[in-house]
């Protein structure tokens, strides 16, 4: 059974795809994939219960997909081409399909462990990507190859430990970094009450009240972060800014963050 949060995020994703029928069909197909659901849930079990990390399961992967879809739509409405469009090798829909796939599968490797999980995610995702694209594009092998390759780049590149080159992969990198609100930190904080090395990440994330993604004024995408305390700046500077700096989409993003009721700080 899917949680209320999962179902709510699925509806949000489908709403953002209502003008792209092919992408809508692909998202619905993935939401109905039983194996993918089980893999996402088990990845979360390993992340939280075995390793003591925060949410890396079905809710997080849906949230990253939702973030990425919103960002890609903003770029599209701003007249900015994706890498596939600029290279005249694919369409906006192709780029969006790759982003959806990557968002929903980028942390599957947490089923194995944290170290190198991005590479394991790509490996574990391949059979699901294959059957999904064969269902959506049964008569277009070239399209399937290109979308699979782009989605795989986005999956292996989401930790900013590997150089990526496409706008699409860069969007996934930033979208992943944007899922760091206190709701994502609450589960491991309630399980592990003994302080240990690395807990600053949990307490920092717990200070993030809200993250908004909107059309920007100076740049197409504006990210607004509201915090309950200054400790949240650690999460922004150590996690999100690192990912933005490594992203080929950095030039299209502006970032503002601040404690509630105070003037936000402009980072980029």
Foldseek 3Di string as FASTA:
>chain_A
DDDPLLVVLLVLLLVLCVVPVLLNVLSVVCVPDPVLQVLQVLLQCLQPVVVLHWRRGSNLLSQLLSQLSVVLVLCVVVVHDWPCVVVVNDDSSLLNNLLNLLSSQLQSLSSVNDVQSLVVSLVVSVVVLVVSCCVSPVPDPSSSVVSNVSSSLLSSPLQVPDQGDTQSSLSSNLSSLQPQALVRLVRSCVVDVDDDPPCLSSVLSPQWHDWDWQQDDVAGIEIETEGQDPSVVCSCVVRNVSSLVRGPCVVRYWYWYDYPPDGTDTDD
